[in-house]
Amino acid sequence: MSLHEPPAWSGPSSDPNDEQFGDVVEPATLDRAVEFDAVLVGEPYDGAVIGRRGAREGPAALREALAGIKTHHFDAGLVESIGDLGNVTIPDGDVSSVQETVRETTREIHASDAFPIFLGGDNSLTYPNATPLLSESLGVVNFDAHLDCREVRGEPTSGTPYRQLHEAGLDAYACVGARHFETSTAYAEYVDEQNGAIVTSEAVGDDLAGAVDRALDAMAGVETVYVSLDLDVLDATAAPGVSAPTPGGITTRELFESLRRVAADDRVAGFEVVECAPPLDTEGRTAAAGARAVAHFLTGHMEEHDD
C-alpha cells in the first residue's frame, strides 16, 4: 500500500467558538483508521477523463473547502472523529495499471474495517474503490448525470467503471439524477438488462424521498452498499467545474438531503466524490458543493453509527 503523508488541517476562522472541520480532522494511519467514524483518502488522478481534465486537483480543493465548514448540523449536532490517510500514490502508466495499483491500496483500507471517503479524482477510480467490496454481494448507488457503463474499448475511461464492476460481479446498481439526452439508448438498455434503476433528476425534484427509496429498493438483497457522487449530477450552475457540466441537474439542497438518507443505510461501506476539477471553476463553487456533500453524508452516516 502506498499513501502520501496526510496534510495538516486547521480551521481558518479566528473566532474560538467556530469549530470547523479543519479543527477536528486528524492525520491518521491505516492501523488507527478504524478508530475514526470515517477517514478521508485523496486520489489525485484524471488520466482517464473523456472530456475536460482538472480532477487531479480535486482532493486538495475539497480538503481546503471542507476545512472552513463548521461542524454543527442543526438536527444531528456535531460532526467529529474524522481522520485523513493522505493521498494514494498514483503511478505513471496506462489506466489499467493505475486502477490495479489503486485497488491494492483500497483493498487494504477496506480490510481495515475503516469507513473510507475517497476524494477524487476522476470516475475511473470508482472501479478500484469499490472492487474490494465484491467479496460480499455489493450494490452501488451512483449520483450522476450519466450511467458510466460504456464498453471498454482498449483502456478504461471515466465512462466505463460500472461496466467494469458489473463484469466483475456487481449485484445491484442505481443511478440517481440521471439526465435526459446525456445517455445513449444502448447504455440505458444495458442498465435495464442488469436490473438496475435509473432515477432521473426530474424524479428527484418531484419526490425526493420517493426517488431515494427507488434507489435503495434496487439494493434489496445485497449485503454491502457503496455510494458514489459524481459532481456533474448537480446543475451546471451549481457545479461548473466538472468534466461534463450540463443544465437540468439536481440542486445542492436535493443532493444533500438525498445523501443523508442514503448514508443512513447501515450497509453502506464507503463513499466517494469524483470529478471535482478546480481549474474549470475559478469561483470554487464545485469544490464548495463537494465539500458540503461530504459533511452531509457524514451526518447521515454518523446518525446511523450512533444508533
C-alpha atoms as a PDB file:
ATOM      1  CA  MET A   1       0.000   0.000   0.000  1.00  0.00           C
ATOM      2  CA  SER A   2       1.264   3.467  -0.827  1.00  0.00           C
ATOM      3  CA  LEU A   3      -0.136   6.641   0.712  1.00  0.00           C
ATOM      4  CA  HIS A   4       1.444  10.063   0.981  1.00  0.00           C
ATOM      5  CA  GLU A   5       1.550  11.643   4.424  1.00  0.00           C
ATOM      6  CA  PRO A   6      -1.732  13.486   5.106  1.00  0.00           C
ATOM      7  CA  PRO A   7      -1.725  17.285   5.144  1.00  0.00           C
ATOM      8  CA  ALA A   8      -2.046  19.341   8.314  1.00  0.00           C
ATOM      9  CA  TRP A   9      -5.559  20.599   8.987  1.00  0.00           C
ATOM     10  CA  SER A  10      -6.634  23.883  10.571  1.00  0.00           C
ATOM     11  CA  GLY A  11      -9.824  25.927  10.597  1.00  0.00           C
ATOM     12  CA  PRO A  12      -9.424  29.373   9.022  1.00  0.00           C
ATOM     13  CA  SER A  13     -11.755  31.211  11.432  1.00  0.00           C
ATOM     14  CA  SER A  14     -10.243  33.378  14.176  1.00  0.00           C
ATOM     15  CA  ASP A  15     -13.380  33.043  16.328  1.00  0.00           C
ATOM     16  CA  PRO A  16     -12.646  30.461  19.082  1.00  0.00           C
ATOM     17  CA  ASN A  17     -16.305  29.405  19.034  1.00  0.00           C
ATOM     18  CA  ASP A  18     -16.145  28.418  15.380  1.00  0.00           C
ATOM     19  CA  GLU A  19     -15.436  24.704  15.389  1.00  0.00           C
ATOM     20  CA  GLN A  20     -14.676  23.790  11.781  1.00  0.00           C
ATOM     21  CA  PHE A  21     -13.688  20.608  10.029  1.00  0.00           C
ATOM     22  CA  GLY A  22     -10.181  21.998   9.915  1.00  0.00           C
ATOM     23  CA  ASP A  23     -10.185  21.822  13.715  1.00  0.00           C
ATOM     24  CA  VAL A  24     -11.438  18.237  14.033  1.00  0.00           C
ATOM     25  CA  VAL A  25      -9.915  16.286  11.129  1.00  0.00           C
ATOM     26  CA  GLU A  26      -6.774  14.490  12.313  1.00  0.00           C
ATOM     27  CA  PRO A  27      -3.919  12.937  10.351  1.00  0.00           C
ATOM     28  CA  ALA A  28      -4.359   9.171  10.509  1.00  0.00           C
ATOM     29  CA  THR A  29      -2.507   5.968   9.720  1.00  0.00           C
ATOM     30  CA  LEU A  30      -4.072   2.757   8.493  1.00  0.00           C
ATOM     31  CA  ASP A  31      -3.508   0.933  11.786  1.00  0.00           C
ATOM     32  CA  ARG A  32      -5.585   3.620  13.549  1.00  0.00           C
ATOM     33  CA  ALA A  33      -8.136   4.211  10.797  1.00  0.00           C
ATOM     34  CA  VAL A  34     -10.882   2.110  12.386  1.00  0.00           C
ATOM     35  CA  GLU A  35     -10.815   4.392  15.461  1.00  0.00           C
ATOM     36  CA  PHE A  36     -12.441   7.174  13.414  1.00  0.00           C
ATOM     37  CA  ASP A  37     -16.040   7.410  12.240  1.00  0.00           C
ATOM     38  CA  ALA A  38     -14.615   7.934   8.738  1.00  0.00           C
ATOM     39  CA  VAL A  39     -11.275   8.512   7.037  1.00  0.00           C
ATOM     40  CA  LEU A  40     -10.530  10.720   4.036  1.00  0.00           C
ATOM     41  CA  VAL A  41      -8.417   9.361   1.170  1.00  0.00           C
ATOM     42  CA  GLY A  42      -7.280  11.589  -1.701  1.00  0.00           C
ATOM     43  CA  GLU A  43      -6.962  10.296  -5.261  1.00  0.00           C
ATOM     44  CA  PRO A  44      -5.321  12.966  -7.457  1.00  0.00           C
ATOM     45  CA  TYR A  45      -5.827  11.463 -10.914  1.00  0.00           C
ATOM     46  CA  ASP A  46      -7.602  12.466 -14.112  1.00  0.00           C
ATOM     47  CA  GLY A  47      -5.803  10.430 -16.752  1.00  0.00           C
ATOM     48  CA  ALA A  48      -8.990   8.605 -17.788  1.00  0.00           C
ATOM     49  CA  VAL A  49     -11.292  11.597 -18.306  1.00  0.00           C
ATOM     50  CA  ILE A  50     -13.241  11.542 -21.566  1.00  0.00           C
ATOM     51  CA  GLY A  51     -13.875  15.298 -21.578  1.00  0.00           C
ATOM     52  CA  ARG A  52     -12.188  18.186 -19.771  1.00  0.00           C
ATOM     53  CA  ARG A  53      -9.411  17.400 -17.307  1.00  0.00           C
ATOM     54  CA  GLY A  54      -8.590  19.019 -13.986  1.00  0.00           C
ATOM     55  CA  ALA A  55      -9.894  16.483 -11.458  1.00  0.00           C
ATOM     56  CA  ARG A  56      -6.385  15.590 -10.313  1.00  0.00           C
ATOM     57  CA  GLU A  57      -6.563  18.823  -8.316  1.00  0.00           C
ATOM     58  CA  GLY A  58      -9.850  17.815  -6.716  1.00  0.00           C
ATOM     59  CA  PRO A  59      -8.550  16.307  -3.444  1.00  0.00           C
ATOM     60  CA  ALA A  60      -6.661  19.451  -2.442  1.00  0.00           C
ATOM     61  CA  ALA A  61      -9.585  21.732  -3.289  1.00  0.00           C
ATOM     62  CA  LEU A  62     -12.111  19.538  -1.473  1.00  0.00           C
ATOM     63  CA  ARG A  63      -9.924  19.442   1.642  1.00  0.00           C
ATOM     64  CA  GLU A  64      -9.442  23.208   1.574  1.00  0.00           C
ATOM     65  CA  ALA A  65     -13.180  23.831   1.222  1.00  0.00           C
ATOM     66  CA  LEU A  66     -14.041  21.280   3.915  1.00  0.00           C
ATOM     67  CA  ALA A  67     -11.568  22.795   6.393  1.00  0.00           C
ATOM     68  CA  GLY A  68     -13.600  26.007   6.581  1.00  0.00           C
ATOM     69  CA  ILE A  69     -17.013  24.370   7.026  1.00  0.00           C
ATOM     70  CA  LYS A  70     -18.456  24.441  10.528  1.00  0.00           C
ATOM     71  CA  THR A  71     -19.117  21.050  12.084  1.00  0.00           C
ATOM     72  CA  HIS A  72     -22.586  21.675  13.532  1.00  0.00           C
ATOM     73  CA  HIS A  73     -25.707  20.251  11.893  1.00  0.00           C
ATOM     74  CA  PHE A  74     -28.945  21.639  13.352  1.00  0.00           C
ATOM     75  CA  ASP A  75     -30.687  18.258  13.522  1.00  0.00           C
ATOM     76  CA  ALA A  76     -27.767  15.909  14.164  1.00  0.00           C
ATOM     77  CA  GLY A  77     -25.374  18.049  16.186  1.00  0.00           C
ATOM     78  CA  LEU A  78     -21.591  17.902  15.925  1.00  0.00           C
ATOM     79  CA  VAL A  79     -19.625  16.032  13.270  1.00  0.00           C
ATOM     80  CA  GLU A  80     -16.310  14.801  14.679  1.00  0.00           C
ATOM     81  CA  SER A  81     -13.870  11.882  14.736  1.00  0.00           C
ATOM     82  CA  ILE A  82     -12.644  12.204  11.126  1.00  0.00           C
ATOM     83  CA  GLY A  83      -9.192  11.041  10.054  1.00  0.00           C
ATOM     84  CA  ASP A  84      -7.156  11.752   6.934  1.00  0.00           C
ATOM     85  CA  LEU A  85      -4.995   8.984   5.472  1.00  0.00           C
ATOM     86  CA  GLY A  86      -3.435  11.268   2.842  1.00  0.00           C
ATOM     87  CA  ASN A  87      -3.318  10.717  -0.914  1.00  0.00           C
ATOM     88  CA  VAL A  88      -2.987   7.448  -2.773  1.00  0.00           C
ATOM     89  CA  THR A  89       0.258   7.322  -4.728  1.00  0.00           C
ATOM     90  CA  ILE A  90      -0.735   7.362  -8.403  1.00  0.00           C
ATOM     91  CA  PRO A  91       1.798   5.643 -10.679  1.00  0.00           C
ATOM     92  CA  ASP A  92       2.733   6.617 -14.170  1.00  0.00           C
ATOM     93  CA  GLY A  93       1.270   4.326 -16.787  1.00  0.00           C
ATOM     94  CA  ASP A  94      -1.924   3.410 -18.572  1.00  0.00           C
ATOM     95  CA  VAL A  95      -5.349   3.498 -16.935  1.00  0.00           C
ATOM     96  CA  SER A  96      -5.471  -0.249 -16.314  1.00  0.00           C
ATOM     97  CA  SER A  97      -2.208  -0.179 -14.379  1.00  0.00           C
ATOM     98  CA  VAL A  98      -3.374   2.844 -12.377  1.00  0.00           C
ATOM     99  CA  GLN A  99      -6.618   1.053 -11.489  1.00  0.00           C
ATOM    100  CA  GLU A 100      -4.732  -2.049 -10.366  1.00  0.00           C
ATOM    101  CA  THR A 101      -2.287  -0.068  -8.215  1.00  0.00           C
ATOM    102  CA  VAL A 102      -5.073   1.943  -6.608  1.00  0.00           C
ATOM    103  CA  ARG A 103      -7.024  -1.268  -5.944  1.00  0.00           C
ATOM    104  CA  GLU A 104      -4.084  -2.666  -3.955  1.00  0.00           C
ATOM    105  CA  THR A 105      -4.351   0.338  -1.627  1.00  0.00           C
ATOM    106  CA  THR A 106      -8.150   0.419  -1.385  1.00  0.00           C
ATOM    107  CA  ARG A 107      -8.185  -3.305  -0.628  1.00  0.00           C
ATOM    108  CA  GLU A 108      -6.110  -2.687   2.497  1.00  0.00           C
ATOM    109  CA  ILE A 109      -8.252   0.282   3.516  1.00  0.00           C
ATOM    110  CA  HIS A 110     -11.474  -1.709   3.253  1.00  0.00           C
ATOM    111  CA  ALA A 111      -9.862  -4.701   5.004  1.00  0.00           C
ATOM    112  CA  SER A 112      -9.059  -2.468   7.995  1.00  0.00           C
ATOM    113  CA  ASP A 113     -12.823  -2.025   8.567  1.00  0.00           C
ATOM    114  CA  ALA A 114     -12.386   1.749   8.348  1.00  0.00           C
ATOM    115  CA  PHE A 115     -15.101   3.765   6.620  1.00  0.00           C
ATOM    116  CA  PRO A 116     -13.380   5.471   3.658  1.00  0.00           C
ATOM    117  CA  ILE A 117     -14.391   8.673   1.914  1.00  0.00           C
ATOM    118  CA  PHE A 118     -12.441   8.905  -1.337  1.00  0.00           C
ATOM    119  CA  LEU A 119     -11.786  12.406  -2.666  1.00  0.00           C
ATOM    120  CA  GLY A 120     -11.299  12.258  -6.450  1.00  0.00           C
ATOM    121  CA  GLY A 121     -10.010  12.317  -8.950  1.00  0.00           C
ATOM    122  CA  ASP A 122     -11.895  11.043 -11.956  1.00  0.00           C
ATOM    123  CA  ASN A 123     -14.685   8.495 -12.195  1.00  0.00           C
ATOM    124  CA  SER A 124     -12.430   5.698 -13.484  1.00  0.00           C
ATOM    125  CA  LEU A 125     -11.261   5.155  -9.894  1.00  0.00           C
ATOM    126  CA  THR A 126     -14.753   4.091  -8.837  1.00  0.00           C
ATOM    127  CA  TYR A 127     -13.770   0.675 -10.131  1.00  0.00           C
ATOM    128  CA  PRO A 128     -10.772   0.108  -7.823  1.00  0.00           C
ATOM    129  CA  ASN A 129     -12.503   1.922  -4.961  1.00  0.00           C
ATOM    130  CA  ALA A 130     -15.474  -0.454  -4.967  1.00  0.00           C
ATOM    131  CA  THR A 131     -13.962  -3.712  -6.279  1.00  0.00           C
ATOM    132  CA  PRO A 132     -12.601  -4.904  -2.892  1.00  0.00           C
ATOM    133  CA  LEU A 133     -16.183  -4.907  -1.583  1.00  0.00           C
ATOM    134  CA  LEU A 134     -17.219  -7.528  -4.145  1.00  0.00           C
ATOM    135  CA  SER A 135     -16.186 -10.235  -1.683  1.00  0.00           C
ATOM    136  CA  GLU A 136     -19.782  -9.822  -0.446  1.00  0.00           C
ATOM    137  CA  SER A 137     -22.842  -9.076  -2.529  1.00  0.00           C
ATOM    138  CA  LEU A 138     -22.500  -5.411  -3.496  1.00  0.00           C
ATOM    139  CA  GLY A 139     -24.744  -2.665  -4.789  1.00  0.00           C
ATOM    140  CA  VAL A 140     -23.762   0.849  -5.850  1.00  0.00           C
ATOM    141  CA  VAL A 141     -25.887   3.973  -5.567  1.00  0.00           C
ATOM    142  CA  ASN A 142     -24.437   6.382  -8.103  1.00  0.00           C
ATOM    143  CA  PHE A 143     -25.377  10.073  -8.009  1.00  0.00           C
ATOM    144  CA  ASP A 144     -24.546  11.044 -11.576  1.00  0.00           C
ATOM    145  CA  ALA A 145     -25.834  12.712 -14.705  1.00  0.00           C
ATOM    146  CA  HIS A 146     -24.550   9.702 -16.673  1.00  0.00           C
ATOM    147  CA  LEU A 147     -24.724   5.924 -16.339  1.00  0.00           C
ATOM    148  CA  ASP A 148     -20.976   5.427 -16.956  1.00  0.00           C
ATOM    149  CA  CYS A 149     -21.409   1.909 -18.297  1.00  0.00           C
ATOM    150  CA  ARG A 150     -19.661   2.320 -21.636  1.00  0.00           C
ATOM    151  CA  GLU A 151     -17.930  -0.697 -23.128  1.00  0.00           C
ATOM    152  CA  VAL A 152     -14.190  -0.835 -22.517  1.00  0.00           C
ATOM    153  CA  ARG A 153     -12.533  -0.377 -25.893  1.00  0.00           C
ATOM    154  CA  GLY A 154      -8.806  -0.519 -25.309  1.00  0.00           C
ATOM    155  CA  GLU A 155      -8.229   1.257 -21.999  1.00  0.00           C
ATOM    156  CA  PRO A 156     -10.898   2.015 -19.370  1.00  0.00           C
ATOM    157  CA  THR A 157     -12.143   5.587 -19.115  1.00  0.00           C
ATOM    158  CA  SER A 158     -14.160   7.711 -16.723  1.00  0.00           C
ATOM    159  CA  GLY A 159     -17.211   6.420 -18.611  1.00  0.00           C
ATOM    160  CA  THR A 160     -16.616   2.682 -18.049  1.00  0.00           C
ATOM    161  CA  PRO A 161     -16.489   1.955 -14.272  1.00  0.00           C
ATOM    162  CA  TYR A 162     -19.949   0.412 -13.929  1.00  0.00           C
ATOM    163  CA  ARG A 163     -19.476  -1.832 -16.954  1.00  0.00           C
ATOM    164  CA  GLN A 164     -16.239  -2.998 -15.327  1.00  0.00           C
ATOM    165  CA  LEU A 165     -17.940  -3.524 -11.970  1.00  0.00           C
ATOM    166  CA  HIS A 166     -20.848  -5.446 -13.485  1.00  0.00           C
ATOM    167  CA  GLU A 167     -18.419  -7.703 -15.334  1.00  0.00           C
ATOM    168  CA  ALA A 168     -16.555  -8.252 -12.034  1.00  0.00           C
ATOM    169  CA  GLY A 169     -19.759  -9.321 -10.251  1.00  0.00           C
ATOM    170  CA  LEU A 170     -21.644  -6.202  -9.148  1.00  0.00           C
ATOM    171  CA  ASP A 171     -25.069  -7.308  -7.901  1.00  0.00           C
ATOM    172  CA  ALA A 172     -27.102  -4.082  -7.955  1.00  0.00           C
ATOM    173  CA  TYR A 173     -26.889  -0.595  -9.424  1.00  0.00           C
ATOM    174  CA  ALA A 174     -28.926   2.594  -9.203  1.00  0.00           C
ATOM    175  CA  CYS A 175     -28.185   5.927 -10.842  1.00  0.00           C
ATOM    176  CA  VAL A 176     -29.814   8.927  -9.142  1.00  0.00           C
ATOM    177  CA  GLY A 177     -30.050  12.225 -11.002  1.00  0.00           C
ATOM    178  CA  ALA A 178     -29.614  10.816 -14.494  1.00  0.00           C
ATOM    179  CA  ARG A 179     -30.113  13.415 -17.190  1.00  0.00           C
ATOM    180  CA  HIS A 180     -32.236  13.044 -20.332  1.00  0.00           C
ATOM    181  CA  PHE A 181     -30.299  13.375 -23.600  1.00  0.00           C
ATOM    182  CA  GLU A 182     -26.995  12.533 -21.875  1.00  0.00           C
ATOM    183  CA  THR A 183     -27.031   8.740 -22.328  1.00  0.00           C
ATOM    184  CA  SER A 184     -27.154   6.601 -25.449  1.00  0.00           C
ATOM    185  CA  THR A 185     -30.001   4.128 -25.827  1.00  0.00           C
ATOM    186  CA  ALA A 186     -27.620   1.157 -25.773  1.00  0.00           C
ATOM    187  CA  TYR A 187     -26.356   2.082 -22.314  1.00  0.00           C
ATOM    188  CA  ALA A 188     -29.831   2.664 -20.899  1.00  0.00           C
ATOM    189  CA  GLU A 189     -30.783  -0.772 -22.228  1.00  0.00           C
ATOM    190  CA  TYR A 190     -27.657  -2.271 -20.665  1.00  0.00           C
ATOM    191  CA  VAL A 191     -28.649  -0.975 -17.207  1.00  0.00           C
ATOM    192  CA  ASP A 192     -32.161  -2.356 -17.734  1.00  0.00           C
ATOM    193  CA  GLU A 193     -30.653  -5.737 -18.627  1.00  0.00           C
ATOM    194  CA  GLN A 194     -28.732  -5.670 -15.343  1.00  0.00           C
ATOM    195  CA  ASN A 195     -31.982  -4.894 -13.473  1.00  0.00           C
ATOM    196  CA  GLY A 196     -30.575  -1.535 -12.471  1.00  0.00           C
ATOM    197  CA  ALA A 197     -32.625   1.518 -11.503  1.00  0.00           C
ATOM    198  CA  ILE A 198     -32.433   4.834 -13.362  1.00  0.00           C
ATOM    199  CA  VAL A 199     -33.846   7.695 -11.288  1.00  0.00           C
ATOM    200  CA  THR A 200     -33.903  10.937 -13.272  1.00  0.00           C
ATOM    201  CA  SER A 201     -33.182  14.418 -11.977  1.00  0.00           C
ATOM    202  CA  GLU A 202     -36.859  15.259 -12.548  1.00  0.00           C
ATOM    203  CA  ALA A 203     -37.868  12.368 -10.304  1.00  0.00           C
ATOM    204  CA  VAL A 204     -35.655  13.736  -7.538  1.00  0.00           C
ATOM    205  CA  GLY A 205     -37.210  17.179  -7.922  1.00  0.00           C
ATOM    206  CA  ASP A 206     -40.765  15.832  -7.947  1.00  0.00           C
ATOM    207  CA  ASP A 207     -40.436  13.460  -4.975  1.00  0.00           C
ATOM    208  CA  LEU A 208     -37.041  13.326  -3.311  1.00  0.00           C
ATOM    209  CA  ALA A 209     -37.934  10.735  -0.686  1.00  0.00           C
ATOM    210  CA  GLY A 210     -39.563   8.518  -3.288  1.00  0.00           C
ATOM    211  CA  ALA A 211     -36.562   8.846  -5.604  1.00  0.00           C
ATOM    212  CA  VAL A 212     -34.136   7.780  -2.890  1.00  0.00           C
ATOM    213  CA  ASP A 213     -36.443   4.908  -1.917  1.00  0.00           C
ATOM    214  CA  ARG A 214     -36.374   3.687  -5.541  1.00  0.00           C
ATOM    215  CA  ALA A 215     -32.580   3.665  -5.457  1.00  0.00           C
ATOM    216  CA  LEU A 216     -32.461   1.811  -2.154  1.00  0.00           C
ATOM    217  CA  ASP A 217     -35.150  -0.629  -3.321  1.00  0.00           C
ATOM    218  CA  ALA A 218     -32.766  -1.559  -6.124  1.00  0.00           C
ATOM    219  CA  MET A 219     -30.263  -2.544  -3.406  1.00  0.00           C
ATOM    220  CA  ALA A 220     -32.653  -5.146  -1.947  1.00  0.00           C
ATOM    221  CA  GLY A 221     -30.850  -8.337  -1.056  1.00  0.00           C
ATOM    222  CA  VAL A 222     -27.256  -7.052  -1.174  1.00  0.00           C
ATOM    223  CA  GLU A 223     -25.039  -7.166   1.906  1.00  0.00           C
ATOM    224  CA  THR A 224     -22.962  -4.064   1.164  1.00  0.00           C
ATOM    225  CA  VAL A 225     -23.665  -0.701  -0.489  1.00  0.00           C
ATOM    226  CA  TYR A 226     -21.114   1.719  -1.934  1.00  0.00           C
ATOM    227  CA  VAL A 227     -22.089   5.318  -2.711  1.00  0.00           C
ATOM    228  CA  SER A 228     -20.552   7.393  -5.499  1.00  0.00           C
ATOM    229  CA  LEU A 229     -21.084  11.087  -6.127  1.00  0.00           C
ATOM    230  CA  ASP A 230     -20.080  12.486  -9.496  1.00  0.00           C
ATOM    231  CA  LEU A 231     -20.498  16.229  -9.053  1.00  0.00           C
ATOM    232  CA  ASP A 232     -21.895  16.556 -12.572  1.00  0.00           C
ATOM    233  CA  VAL A 233     -25.182  15.300 -11.073  1.00  0.00           C
ATOM    234  CA  LEU A 234     -25.646  18.901  -9.950  1.00  0.00           C
ATOM    235  CA  ASP A 235     -26.980  21.519 -12.298  1.00  0.00           C
ATOM    236  CA  ALA A 236     -24.169  23.242 -14.183  1.00  0.00           C
ATOM    237  CA  THR A 237     -24.904  26.491 -12.340  1.00  0.00           C
ATOM    238  CA  ALA A 238     -24.002  24.821  -9.040  1.00  0.00           C
ATOM    239  CA  ALA A 239     -21.068  22.743 -10.274  1.00  0.00           C
ATOM    240  CA  PRO A 240     -19.429  24.215 -13.371  1.00  0.00           C
ATOM    241  CA  GLY A 241     -16.047  22.696 -12.515  1.00  0.00           C
ATOM    242  CA  VAL A 242     -16.653  19.155 -13.755  1.00  0.00           C
ATOM    243  CA  SER A 243     -15.640  17.312 -16.878  1.00  0.00           C
ATOM    244  CA  ALA A 244     -19.125  17.466 -18.439  1.00  0.00           C
ATOM    245  CA  PRO A 245     -21.376  20.149 -16.881  1.00  0.00           C
ATOM    246  CA  THR A 246     -24.943  20.186 -18.187  1.00  0.00           C
ATOM    247  CA  PRO A 247     -28.186  22.001 -17.364  1.00  0.00           C
ATOM    248  CA  GLY A 248     -31.152  20.262 -15.808  1.00  0.00           C
ATOM    249  CA  GLY A 249     -29.387  18.738 -12.824  1.00  0.00           C
ATOM    250  CA  ILE A 250     -30.487  18.417  -9.232  1.00  0.00           C
ATOM    251  CA  THR A 251     -29.968  21.227  -6.731  1.00  0.00           C
ATOM    252  CA  THR A 252     -27.408  21.213  -3.934  1.00  0.00           C
ATOM    253  CA  ARG A 253     -30.191  21.036  -1.357  1.00  0.00           C
ATOM    254  CA  GLU A 254     -31.704  17.997  -3.093  1.00  0.00           C
ATOM    255  CA  LEU A 255     -28.283  16.366  -3.218  1.00  0.00           C
ATOM    256  CA  PHE A 256     -27.503  16.965   0.439  1.00  0.00           C
ATOM    257  CA  GLU A 257     -30.810  15.534   1.672  1.00  0.00           C
ATOM    258  CA  SER A 258     -30.521  12.552  -0.666  1.00  0.00           C
ATOM    259  CA  LEU A 259     -27.031  11.779   0.599  1.00  0.00           C
ATOM    260  CA  ARG A 260     -28.112  11.930   4.229  1.00  0.00           C
ATOM    261  CA  ARG A 261     -30.926   9.479   3.505  1.00  0.00           C
ATOM    262  CA  VAL A 262     -28.668   7.007   1.691  1.00  0.00           C
ATOM    263  CA  ALA A 263     -25.856   7.319   4.246  1.00  0.00           C
ATOM    264  CA  ALA A 264     -28.257   6.235   6.985  1.00  0.00           C
ATOM    265  CA  ASP A 265     -28.460   2.743   5.455  1.00  0.00           C
ATOM    266  CA  ASP A 266     -26.364   0.530   7.740  1.00  0.00           C
ATOM    267  CA  ARG A 267     -24.999  -1.452   4.788  1.00  0.00           C
ATOM    268  CA  VAL A 268     -23.069   1.499   3.365  1.00  0.00           C
ATOM    269  CA  ALA A 269     -19.324   0.732   3.457  1.00  0.00           C
ATOM    270  CA  GLY A 270     -17.804   3.656   1.584  1.00  0.00           C
ATOM    271  CA  PHE A 271     -18.383   6.947  -0.213  1.00  0.00           C
ATOM    272  CA  GLU A 272     -16.587   8.894  -2.915  1.00  0.00           C
ATOM    273  CA  VAL A 273     -16.721  12.342  -4.505  1.00  0.00           C
ATOM    274  CA  VAL A 274     -15.381  12.380  -8.058  1.00  0.00           C
ATOM    275  CA  GLU A 275     -14.929  14.761 -10.983  1.00  0.00           C
ATOM    276  CA  CYS A 276     -14.218  17.919  -8.985  1.00  0.00           C
ATOM    277  CA  ALA A 277     -11.970  19.880 -11.357  1.00  0.00           C
ATOM    278  CA  PRO A 278     -10.917  23.170  -9.694  1.00  0.00           C
ATOM    279  CA  PRO A 279      -9.161  24.659 -12.760  1.00  0.00           C
ATOM    280  CA  LEU A 280     -12.539  24.648 -14.529  1.00  0.00           C
ATOM    281  CA  ASP A 281     -14.238  26.677 -11.766  1.00  0.00           C
ATOM    282  CA  THR A 282     -12.269  29.706 -10.622  1.00  0.00           C
ATOM    283  CA  GLU A 283     -15.015  30.719  -8.165  1.00  0.00           C
ATOM    284  CA  GLY A 284     -14.758  27.439  -6.257  1.00  0.00           C
ATOM    285  CA  ARG A 285     -18.465  26.603  -6.351  1.00  0.00           C
ATOM    286  CA  THR A 286     -17.881  22.989  -7.315  1.00  0.00           C
ATOM    287  CA  ALA A 287     -15.414  22.274  -4.519  1.00  0.00           C
ATOM    288  CA  ALA A 288     -17.705  24.056  -2.044  1.00  0.00           C
ATOM    289  CA  ALA A 289     -20.618  21.825  -3.083  1.00  0.00           C
ATOM    290  CA  GLY A 290     -18.458  18.704  -2.951  1.00  0.00           C
ATOM    291  CA  ALA A 291     -17.099  19.504   0.498  1.00  0.00           C
ATOM    292  CA  ARG A 292     -20.582  20.143   1.872  1.00  0.00           C
ATOM    293  CA  ALA A 293     -21.724  16.899   0.295  1.00  0.00           C
ATOM    294  CA  VAL A 294     -19.066  15.146   2.385  1.00  0.00           C
ATOM    295  CA  ALA A 295     -20.292  16.930   5.516  1.00  0.00           C
ATOM    296  CA  HIS A 296     -23.923  15.996   4.875  1.00  0.00           C
ATOM    297  CA  PHE A 297     -23.029  12.400   4.089  1.00  0.00           C
ATOM    298  CA  LEU A 298     -21.075  12.187   7.340  1.00  0.00           C
ATOM    299  CA  THR A 299     -24.117  13.460   9.227  1.00  0.00           C
ATOM    300  CA  GLY A 300     -26.286  10.645   7.863  1.00  0.00           C
ATOM    301  CA  HIS A 301     -23.568   8.045   8.391  1.00  0.00           C
ATOM    302  CA  MET A 302     -22.860   9.113  11.974  1.00  0.00           C
ATOM    303  CA  GLU A 303     -26.545   9.202  12.909  1.00  0.00           C
ATOM    304  CA  GLU A 304     -26.793   5.561  11.830  1.00  0.00           C
ATOM    305  CA  HIS A 305     -23.474   4.762  13.545  1.00  0.00           C
ATOM    306  CA  ASP A 306     -24.559   6.368  16.826  1.00  0.00           C
ATOM    307  CA  ASP A 307     -27.783   4.374  16.822  1.00  0.00           C
END
